[in-house]
Amino acid sequence: YHEGVESIEDGIILAQTAIGDDLHQAKDNLTTPSLAMGSSPQVLVLCHDSVVVTAIRNEGFVSAFRFMGGSLELIGRKNVDHFIIDAAIQPDEAGRKLTVVLLLCDSVNQKDGRIAKLYLSFDESAS
């Protein structure tokens, strides 16, 4: 934020990739639970060093990318089959593994939830 500036300026695009239908089988969106802060944003973006993780909340779809050589390379993807309420990313002490922690809405009882963890590990030579 800059004082006196009323709008946000676009910066330089370093890399871009599609995270939509071409990466997974098309299916109906999951039922969106009633959330105190609403259902926005539709996509959560988590970053740590060169790793970018996207979580499409209403599809339960998580993709992990590594920013290398000016482009995003797909590390992996997972459909958790639950609406994603929130997500966080946490490195291990050595910096070679990342844990993506997901707060998911239960499919049957939308007032109930569950915690899921996805693990990413990296070969030291890939840096």
Foldseek 3Di string as FASTA:
>chain_A
DDPPDDDDDDDDDLEDDDPDCVVDPDDDWADDFDDPVDCPPQKDWEDDDQKIWIARQRQQKIWIWGCDPSYTHTPDIDRPVFGFPDWYKDADPVRFKIKIKTWTADRPDRVDTDIDIDMDGHDPVVD
